[in-house]
PDB file of N, CA and C in Angstrom:
ATOM      1  N   MET A   1     174.709 143.559 109.099  1.00  0.00           N
ATOM      2  CA  MET A   1     174.739 142.249 109.497  1.00  0.00           C
ATOM      3  C   MET A   1     174.777 142.169 110.997  1.00  0.00           C
ATOM      4  N   ASN A   2     173.937 141.435 111.712  1.00  0.00           N
ATOM      5  CA  ASN A   2     174.122 141.321 113.141  1.00  0.00           C
ATOM      6  C   ASN A   2     175.119 140.347 113.537  1.00  0.00           C
ATOM      7  N   GLU A   3     175.324 140.200 114.809  1.00  0.00           N
ATOM      8  CA  GLU A   3     176.454 139.354 115.320  1.00  0.00           C
ATOM      9  C   GLU A   3     176.235 137.861 114.995  1.00  0.00           C
ATOM     10  N   HIS A   4     174.937 137.368 115.062  1.00  0.00           N
ATOM     11  CA  HIS A   4     174.573 136.037 114.770  1.00  0.00           C
ATOM     12  C   HIS A   4     174.863 135.683 113.305  1.00  0.00           C
ATOM     13  N   GLN A   5     174.481 136.603 112.435  1.00  0.00           N
ATOM     14  CA  GLN A   5     174.713 136.396 110.970  1.00  0.00           C
ATOM     15  C   GLN A   5     176.203 136.383 110.618  1.00  0.00           C
ATOM     16  N   ARG A   6     176.938 137.297 111.361  1.00  0.00           N
ATOM     17  CA  ARG A   6     178.397 137.327 111.117  1.00  0.00           C
ATOM     18  C   ARG A   6     179.040 136.058 111.593  1.00  0.00           C
ATOM     19  N   GLN A   7     178.670 135.515 112.703  1.00  0.00           N
ATOM     20  CA  GLN A   7     179.189 134.211 113.124  1.00  0.00           C
ATOM     21  C   GLN A   7     178.833 133.157 112.193  1.00  0.00           C
ATOM     22  N   SER A   8     177.601 133.073 111.675  1.00  0.00           N
ATOM     23  CA  SER A   8     177.173 132.074 110.758  1.00  0.00           C
ATOM     24  C   SER A   8     177.954 132.112 109.499  1.00  0.00           C
ATOM     25  N   TYR A   9     178.087 133.389 109.025  1.00  0.00           N
ATOM     26  CA  TYR A   9     178.853 133.571 107.788  1.00  0.00           C
ATOM     27  C   TYR A   9     180.298 133.114 107.938  1.00  0.00           C
ATOM     28  N   TRP A  10     180.921 133.446 109.000  1.00  0.00           N
ATOM     29  CA  TRP A  10     182.377 133.084 109.249  1.00  0.00           C
ATOM     30  C   TRP A  10     182.480 131.540 109.369  1.00  0.00           C
ATOM     31  N   ARG A  11     181.465 130.922 110.128  1.00  0.00           N
ATOM     32  CA  ARG A  11     181.489 129.478 110.304  1.00  0.00           C
ATOM     33  C   ARG A  11     181.388 128.784 108.996  1.00  0.00           C
ATOM     34  N   ALA A  12     180.460 129.302 108.043  1.00  0.00           N
ATOM     35  CA  ALA A  12     180.294 128.685 106.738  1.00  0.00           C
ATOM     36  C   ALA A  12     181.585 128.883 105.906  1.00  0.00           C
ATOM     37  N   ASN A  13     182.137 130.083 105.979  1.00  0.00           N
ATOM     38  CA  ASN A  13     183.410 130.277 105.240  1.00  0.00           C
ATOM     39  C   ASN A  13     184.534 129.431 105.675  1.00  0.00           C
ATOM     40  N   THR A  14     184.768 129.254 106.990  1.00  0.00           N
ATOM     41  CA  THR A  14     185.810 128.425 107.393  1.00  0.00           C
ATOM     42  C   THR A  14     185.512 126.949 107.150  1.00  0.00           C
ATOM     43  N   ALA A  15     184.269 126.558 107.117  1.00  0.00           N
ATOM     44  CA  ALA A  15     183.910 125.151 106.828  1.00  0.00           C
ATOM     45  C   ALA A  15     184.267 124.893 105.254  1.00  0.00           C
ATOM     46  N   LEU A  16     183.932 125.834 104.484  1.00  0.00           N
ATOM     47  CA  LEU A  16     184.263 125.689 103.060  1.00  0.00           C
ATOM     48  C   LEU A  16     185.712 125.641 102.874  1.00  0.00           C
ATOM     49  N   ILE A  17     186.448 126.480 103.443  1.00  0.00           N
ATOM     50  CA  ILE A  17     187.934 126.496 103.349  1.00  0.00           C
ATOM     51  C   ILE A  17     188.499 125.135 103.795  1.00  0.00           C
ATOM     52  N   ARG A  18     187.976 124.690 105.020  1.00  0.00           N
ATOM     53  CA  ARG A  18     188.494 123.425 105.548  1.00  0.00           C
ATOM     54  C   ARG A  18     188.242 122.263 104.583  1.00  0.00           C
ATOM     55  N   ASN A  19     187.052 122.190 104.026  1.00  0.00           N
ATOM     56  CA  ASN A  19     186.650 121.061 103.129  1.00  0.00           C
ATOM     57  C   ASN A  19     187.544 121.155 101.885  1.00  0.00           C
ATOM     58  N   LEU A  20     187.738 122.298 101.270  1.00  0.00           N
ATOM     59  CA  LEU A  20     188.572 122.435 100.066  1.00  0.00           C
ATOM     60  C   LEU A  20     189.985 122.042 100.379  1.00  0.00           C
ATOM     61  N   LEU A  21     190.500 122.446 101.558  1.00  0.00           N
ATOM     62  CA  LEU A  21     191.901 122.080 101.897  1.00  0.00           C
ATOM     63  C   LEU A  21     192.049 120.583 102.130  1.00  0.00           C
ATOM     64  N   ILE A  22     190.988 119.959 102.682  1.00  0.00           N
ATOM     65  CA  ILE A  22     191.039 118.497 102.845  1.00  0.00           C
ATOM     66  C   ILE A  22     191.086 117.795 101.448  1.00  0.00           C
ATOM     67  N   ILE A  23     190.330 118.283 100.518  1.00  0.00           N
ATOM     68  CA  ILE A  23     190.336 117.702  99.150  1.00  0.00           C
ATOM     69  C   ILE A  23     191.701 117.990  98.512  1.00  0.00           C
ATOM     70  N   TRP A  24     192.224 119.152  98.649  1.00  0.00           N
ATOM     71  CA  TRP A  24     193.584 119.409  98.099  1.00  0.00           C
ATOM     72  C   TRP A  24     194.581 118.543  98.661  1.00  0.00           C
ATOM     73  N   GLY A  25     194.548 118.339 100.071  1.00  0.00           N
ATOM     74  CA  GLY A  25     195.524 117.506 100.728  1.00  0.00           C
ATOM     75  C   GLY A  25     195.486 116.036 100.267  1.00  0.00           C
ATOM     76  N   LEU A  26     194.231 115.567 100.135  1.00  0.00           N
ATOM     77  CA  LEU A  26     194.043 114.196  99.670  1.00  0.00           C
ATOM     78  C   LEU A  26     194.614 113.989  98.249  1.00  0.00           C
ATOM     79  N   VAL A  27     194.317 114.954  97.377  1.00  0.00           N
ATOM     80  CA  VAL A  27     194.783 114.788  95.934  1.00  0.00           C
ATOM     81  C   VAL A  27     196.290 114.950  95.939  1.00  0.00           C
ATOM     82  N   SER A  28     196.799 115.986  96.512  1.00  0.00           N
ATOM     83  CA  SER A  28     198.236 116.279  96.378  1.00  0.00           C
ATOM     84  C   SER A  28     199.123 115.358  97.180  1.00  0.00           C
ATOM     85  N   LEU A  29     198.752 114.959  98.368  1.00  0.00           N
ATOM     86  CA  LEU A  29     199.573 114.141  99.217  1.00  0.00           C
ATOM     87  C   LEU A  29     199.282 112.654  99.066  1.00  0.00           C
ATOM     88  N   VAL A  30     197.966 112.318  99.258  1.00  0.00           N
ATOM     89  CA  VAL A  30     197.655 110.885  99.255  1.00  0.00           C
ATOM     90  C   VAL A  30     197.713 110.267  97.863  1.00  0.00           C
ATOM     91  N   PHE A  31     197.027 110.883  96.946  1.00  0.00           N
ATOM     92  CA  PHE A  31     196.923 110.279  95.611  1.00  0.00           C
ATOM     93  C   PHE A  31     198.259 110.506  94.857  1.00  0.00           C
ATOM     94  N   SER A  32     198.945 111.544  95.000  1.00  0.00           N
ATOM     95  CA  SER A  32     200.132 111.884  94.253  1.00  0.00           C
ATOM     96  C   SER A  32     201.477 111.338  94.863  1.00  0.00           C
ATOM     97  N   ILE A  33     201.433 111.005  96.172  1.00  0.00           N
ATOM     98  CA  ILE A  33     202.588 110.593  96.797  1.00  0.00           C
ATOM     99  C   ILE A  33     202.444 109.244  97.445  1.00  0.00           C
ATOM    100  N   LEU A  34     201.537 109.159  98.351  1.00  0.00           N
ATOM    101  CA  LEU A  34     201.417 107.915  99.176  1.00  0.00           C
ATOM    102  C   LEU A  34     200.763 106.653  98.402  1.00  0.00           C
ATOM    103  N   LEU A  35     199.880 106.937  97.545  1.00  0.00           N
ATOM    104  CA  LEU A  35     199.270 105.864  96.763  1.00  0.00           C
ATOM    105  C   LEU A  35     199.736 105.785  95.297  1.00  0.00           C
ATOM    106  N   VAL A  36     200.904 106.396  95.025  1.00  0.00           N
ATOM    107  CA  VAL A  36     201.389 106.389  93.620  1.00  0.00           C
ATOM    108  C   VAL A  36     201.685 105.056  93.052  1.00  0.00           C
ATOM    109  N   GLN A  37     202.212 104.104  93.902  1.00  0.00           N
ATOM    110  CA  GLN A  37     202.421 102.797  93.265  1.00  0.00           C
ATOM    111  C   GLN A  37     201.200 102.054  92.894  1.00  0.00           C
ATOM    112  N   PRO A  38     200.147 101.966  93.738  1.00  0.00           N
ATOM    113  CA  PRO A  38     198.930 101.303  93.350  1.00  0.00           C
ATOM    114  C   PRO A  38     198.263 102.008  92.180  1.00  0.00           C
ATOM    115  N   LEU A  39     198.339 103.334  92.169  1.00  0.00           N
ATOM    116  CA  LEU A  39     197.608 104.074  91.084  1.00  0.00           C
ATOM    117  C   LEU A  39     198.399 103.894  89.802  1.00  0.00           C
ATOM    118  N   ASN A  40     199.756 103.585  89.844  1.00  0.00           N
ATOM    119  CA  ASN A  40     200.420 103.385  88.609  1.00  0.00           C
ATOM    120  C   ASN A  40     200.032 102.186  87.847  1.00  0.00           C
ATOM    121  N   GLN A  41     199.277 101.329  88.475  1.00  0.00           N
ATOM    122  CA  GLN A  41     198.721 100.150  87.746  1.00  0.00           C
ATOM    123  C   GLN A  41     197.665 100.543  86.723  1.00  0.00           C
ATOM    124  N   LEU A  42     197.066 101.725  86.920  1.00  0.00           N
ATOM    125  CA  LEU A  42     196.050 102.238  86.000  1.00  0.00           C
ATOM    126  C   LEU A  42     196.746 103.151  84.940  1.00  0.00           C
ATOM    127  N   ARG A  43     196.309 103.126  83.756  1.00  0.00           N
ATOM    128  CA  ARG A  43     196.793 104.017  82.724  1.00  0.00           C
ATOM    129  C   ARG A  43     195.824 105.116  82.428  1.00  0.00           C
ATOM    130  N   PHE A  44     196.273 106.327  82.221  1.00  0.00           N
ATOM    131  CA  PHE A  44     195.468 107.486  81.899  1.00  0.00           C
ATOM    132  C   PHE A  44     196.230 108.279  80.836  1.00  0.00           C
ATOM    133  N   PHE A  45     195.575 108.452  79.712  1.00  0.00           N
ATOM    134  CA  PHE A  45     196.206 109.123  78.589  1.00  0.00           C
ATOM    135  C   PHE A  45     197.536 108.487  78.260  1.00  0.00           C
ATOM    136  N   GLY A  46     197.671 107.168  78.423  1.00  0.00           N
ATOM    137  CA  GLY A  46     198.869 106.474  78.047  1.00  0.00           C
ATOM    138  C   GLY A  46     199.982 106.490  79.095  1.00  0.00           C
ATOM    139  N   VAL A  47     199.764 107.142  80.157  1.00  0.00           N
ATOM    140  CA  VAL A  47     200.804 107.181  81.191  1.00  0.00           C
ATOM    141  C   VAL A  47     200.228 106.565  82.531  1.00  0.00           C
ATOM    142  N   PRO A  48     201.122 106.111  83.444  1.00  0.00           N
ATOM    143  CA  PRO A  48     200.570 105.607  84.655  1.00  0.00           C
ATOM    144  C   PRO A  48     199.845 106.712  85.425  1.00  0.00           C
ATOM    145  N   PHE A  49     198.731 106.337  86.049  1.00  0.00           N
ATOM    146  CA  PHE A  49     197.797 107.289  86.675  1.00  0.00           C
ATOM    147  C   PHE A  49     198.438 107.991  87.848  1.00  0.00           C
ATOM    148  N   GLY A  50     199.173 107.294  88.690  1.00  0.00           N
ATOM    149  CA  GLY A  50     199.882 107.930  89.760  1.00  0.00           C
ATOM    150  C   GLY A  50     200.865 109.024  89.372  1.00  0.00           C
ATOM    151  N   PHE A  51     201.608 108.751  88.301  1.00  0.00           N
ATOM    152  CA  PHE A  51     202.511 109.642  87.741  1.00  0.00           C
ATOM    153  C   PHE A  51     201.774 110.937  87.188  1.00  0.00           C
ATOM    154  N   TRP A  52     200.641 110.676  86.405  1.00  0.00           N
ATOM    155  CA  TRP A  52     199.857 111.742  85.952  1.00  0.00           C
ATOM    156  C   TRP A  52     199.241 112.549  87.008  1.00  0.00           C
ATOM    157  N   MET A  53     198.781 111.920  88.102  1.00  0.00           N
ATOM    158  CA  MET A  53     198.226 112.778  89.217  1.00  0.00           C
ATOM    159  C   MET A  53     199.292 113.605  89.848  1.00  0.00           C
ATOM    160  N   ALA A  54     200.495 113.128  89.999  1.00  0.00           N
ATOM    161  CA  ALA A  54     201.586 113.941  90.555  1.00  0.00           C
ATOM    162  C   ALA A  54     202.003 115.074  89.713  1.00  0.00           C
ATOM    163  N   GLN A  55     201.927 114.885  88.390  1.00  0.00           N
ATOM    164  CA  GLN A  55     202.402 115.914  87.436  1.00  0.00           C
ATOM    165  C   GLN A  55     201.341 116.861  86.960  1.00  0.00           C
ATOM    166  N   GLN A  56     200.203 116.379  86.654  1.00  0.00           N
ATOM    167  CA  GLN A  56     199.125 117.179  86.092  1.00  0.00           C
ATOM    168  C   GLN A  56     197.841 117.206  86.945  1.00  0.00           C
ATOM    169  N   GLY A  57     197.461 116.040  87.477  1.00  0.00           N
ATOM    170  CA  GLY A  57     196.155 115.989  88.108  1.00  0.00           C
ATOM    171  C   GLY A  57     196.011 116.913  89.272  1.00  0.00           C
ATOM    172  N   SER A  58     197.034 116.865  90.124  1.00  0.00           N
ATOM    173  CA  SER A  58     196.990 117.698  91.368  1.00  0.00           C
ATOM    174  C   SER A  58     196.938 119.157  91.013  1.00  0.00           C
ATOM    175  N   ILE A  59     197.563 119.595  90.029  1.00  0.00           N
ATOM    176  CA  ILE A  59     197.515 121.032  89.580  1.00  0.00           C
ATOM    177  C   ILE A  59     196.126 121.348  89.028  1.00  0.00           C
ATOM    178  N   LEU A  60     195.549 120.504  88.237  1.00  0.00           N
ATOM    179  CA  LEU A  60     194.272 120.722  87.696  1.00  0.00           C
ATOM    180  C   LEU A  60     193.202 120.752  88.827  1.00  0.00           C
ATOM    181  N   VAL A  61     193.295 119.860  89.768  1.00  0.00           N
ATOM    182  CA  VAL A  61     192.422 119.852  90.919  1.00  0.00           C
ATOM    183  C   VAL A  61     192.555 121.197  91.687  1.00  0.00           C
ATOM    184  N   PHE A  62     193.751 121.628  91.916  1.00  0.00           N
ATOM    185  CA  PHE A  62     194.018 122.905  92.600  1.00  0.00           C
ATOM    186  C   PHE A  62     193.305 124.069  91.904  1.00  0.00           C
ATOM    187  N   VAL A  63     193.506 124.122  90.665  1.00  0.00           N
ATOM    188  CA  VAL A  63     192.810 125.191  89.828  1.00  0.00           C
ATOM    189  C   VAL A  63     191.359 125.121  89.896  1.00  0.00           C
ATOM    190  N   ALA A  64     190.801 123.941  89.808  1.00  0.00           N
ATOM    191  CA  ALA A  64     189.318 123.683  89.894  1.00  0.00           C
ATOM    192  C   ALA A  64     188.905 124.174  91.351  1.00  0.00           C
ATOM    193  N   LEU A  65     189.671 123.875  92.406  1.00  0.00           N
ATOM    194  CA  LEU A  65     189.254 124.337  93.724  1.00  0.00           C
ATOM    195  C   LEU A  65     189.217 125.726  93.874  1.00  0.00           C
ATOM    196  N   ILE A  66     190.092 126.443  93.198  1.00  0.00           N
ATOM    197  CA  ILE A  66     190.003 127.904  93.159  1.00  0.00           C
ATOM    198  C   ILE A  66     188.693 128.387  92.680  1.00  0.00           C
ATOM    199  N   PHE A  67     188.282 127.919  91.506  1.00  0.00           N
ATOM    200  CA  PHE A  67     186.942 128.317  90.920  1.00  0.00           C
ATOM    201  C   PHE A  67     185.828 127.860  91.758  1.00  0.00           C
ATOM    202  N   ILE A  68     185.894 126.742  92.355  1.00  0.00           N
ATOM    203  CA  ILE A  68     184.820 126.264  93.337  1.00  0.00           C
ATOM    204  C   ILE A  68     184.692 127.183  94.446  1.00  0.00           C
ATOM    205  N   TYR A  69     185.829 127.558  95.039  1.00  0.00           N
ATOM    206  CA  TYR A  69     185.865 128.472  96.204  1.00  0.00           C
ATOM    207  C   TYR A  69     185.204 129.816  95.802  1.00  0.00           C
ATOM    208  N   ALA A  70     185.604 130.411  94.623  1.00  0.00           N
ATOM    209  CA  ALA A  70     185.027 131.671  94.287  1.00  0.00           C
ATOM    210  C   ALA A  70     183.551 131.598  94.055  1.00  0.00           C
ATOM    211  N   PHE A  71     183.083 130.509  93.408  1.00  0.00           N
ATOM    212  CA  PHE A  71     181.643 130.317  93.101  1.00  0.00           C
ATOM    213  C   PHE A  71     180.870 130.116  94.459  1.00  0.00           C
ATOM    214  N   GLN A  72     181.406 129.270  95.364  1.00  0.00           N
ATOM    215  CA  GLN A  72     180.737 129.048  96.623  1.00  0.00           C
ATOM    216  C   GLN A  72     180.734 130.318  97.507  1.00  0.00           C
ATOM    217  N   MET A  73     181.850 131.087  97.435  1.00  0.00           N
ATOM    218  CA  MET A  73     181.835 132.304  98.228  1.00  0.00           C
ATOM    219  C   MET A  73     180.879 133.386  97.682  1.00  0.00           C
ATOM    220  N   ASP A  74     180.706 133.412  96.344  1.00  0.00           N
ATOM    221  CA  ASP A  74     179.694 134.268  95.793  1.00  0.00           C
ATOM    222  C   ASP A  74     178.314 133.861  96.290  1.00  0.00           C
ATOM    223  N   LYS A  75     178.003 132.641  96.335  1.00  0.00           N
ATOM    224  CA  LYS A  75     176.770 132.209  96.838  1.00  0.00           C
ATOM    225  C   LYS A  75     176.579 132.516  98.311  1.00  0.00           C
ATOM    226  N   LEU A  76     177.651 132.352  99.140  1.00  0.00           N
ATOM    227  CA  LEU A  76     177.607 132.666 100.535  1.00  0.00           C
ATOM    228  C   LEU A  76     177.459 134.137 100.727  1.00  0.00           C
ATOM    229  N   ASP A  77     178.067 135.019 100.049  1.00  0.00           N
ATOM    230  CA  ASP A  77     177.958 136.466 100.053  1.00  0.00           C
ATOM    231  C   ASP A  77     176.514 136.915  99.770  1.00  0.00           C
ATOM    232  N   ARG A  78     175.929 136.280  98.756  1.00  0.00           N
ATOM    233  CA  ARG A  78     174.587 136.625  98.400  1.00  0.00           C
ATOM    234  C   ARG A  78     173.559 136.185  99.509  1.00  0.00           C
ATOM    235  N   LYS A  79     173.844 135.013 100.088  1.00  0.00           N
ATOM    236  CA  LYS A  79     173.009 134.427 101.117  1.00  0.00           C
ATOM    237  C   LYS A  79     172.955 135.420 102.275  1.00  0.00           C
ATOM    238  N   TYR A  80     174.154 135.874 102.708  1.00  0.00           N
ATOM    239  CA  TYR A  80     174.200 136.755 103.922  1.00  0.00           C
ATOM    240  C   TYR A  80     174.159 138.204 103.510  1.00  0.00           C
ATOM    241  N   ASN A  81     173.861 138.499 102.205  1.00  0.00           N
ATOM    242  CA  ASN A  81     173.809 139.922 101.782  1.00  0.00           C
ATOM    243  C   ASN A  81     175.015 140.704 102.210  1.00  0.00           C
ATOM    244  N   ASN A  82     176.196 140.094 102.028  1.00  0.00           N
ATOM    245  CA  ASN A  82     177.459 140.726 102.505  1.00  0.00           C
ATOM    246  C   ASN A  82     177.965 141.741 101.403  1.00  0.00           C
ATOM    247  N   LYS A  83     177.915 143.006 101.777  1.00  0.00           N
ATOM    248  CA  LYS A  83     178.316 144.036 100.760  1.00  0.00           C
ATOM    249  C   LYS A  83     179.700 144.694 101.164  1.00  0.00           C
ATOM    250  N   GLN A  84     180.618 143.917 101.528  1.00  0.00           N
ATOM    251  CA  GLN A  84     181.920 144.429 101.957  1.00  0.00           C
ATOM    252  C   GLN A  84     182.766 144.788 100.733  1.00  0.00           C
TER     253      GLN A  84
END
């Protein structure tokens, strides 16, 4: 892999990590803590949605983000033919 490809690969990798961390931050901080009162007006599986997001939703989103990261990195590795 030449220097330009290496920089493009690293830029794409850091952009993916940044975007997934933003999603994780929004779900775990904003939806589960800052907006818990308005979200509690909605019911989800019989419990207030804000409470559910703080207890279960943020964990499920985090696990989903792990799988998304693995899938996207596999695509990125194949795109740049990275055989490390």
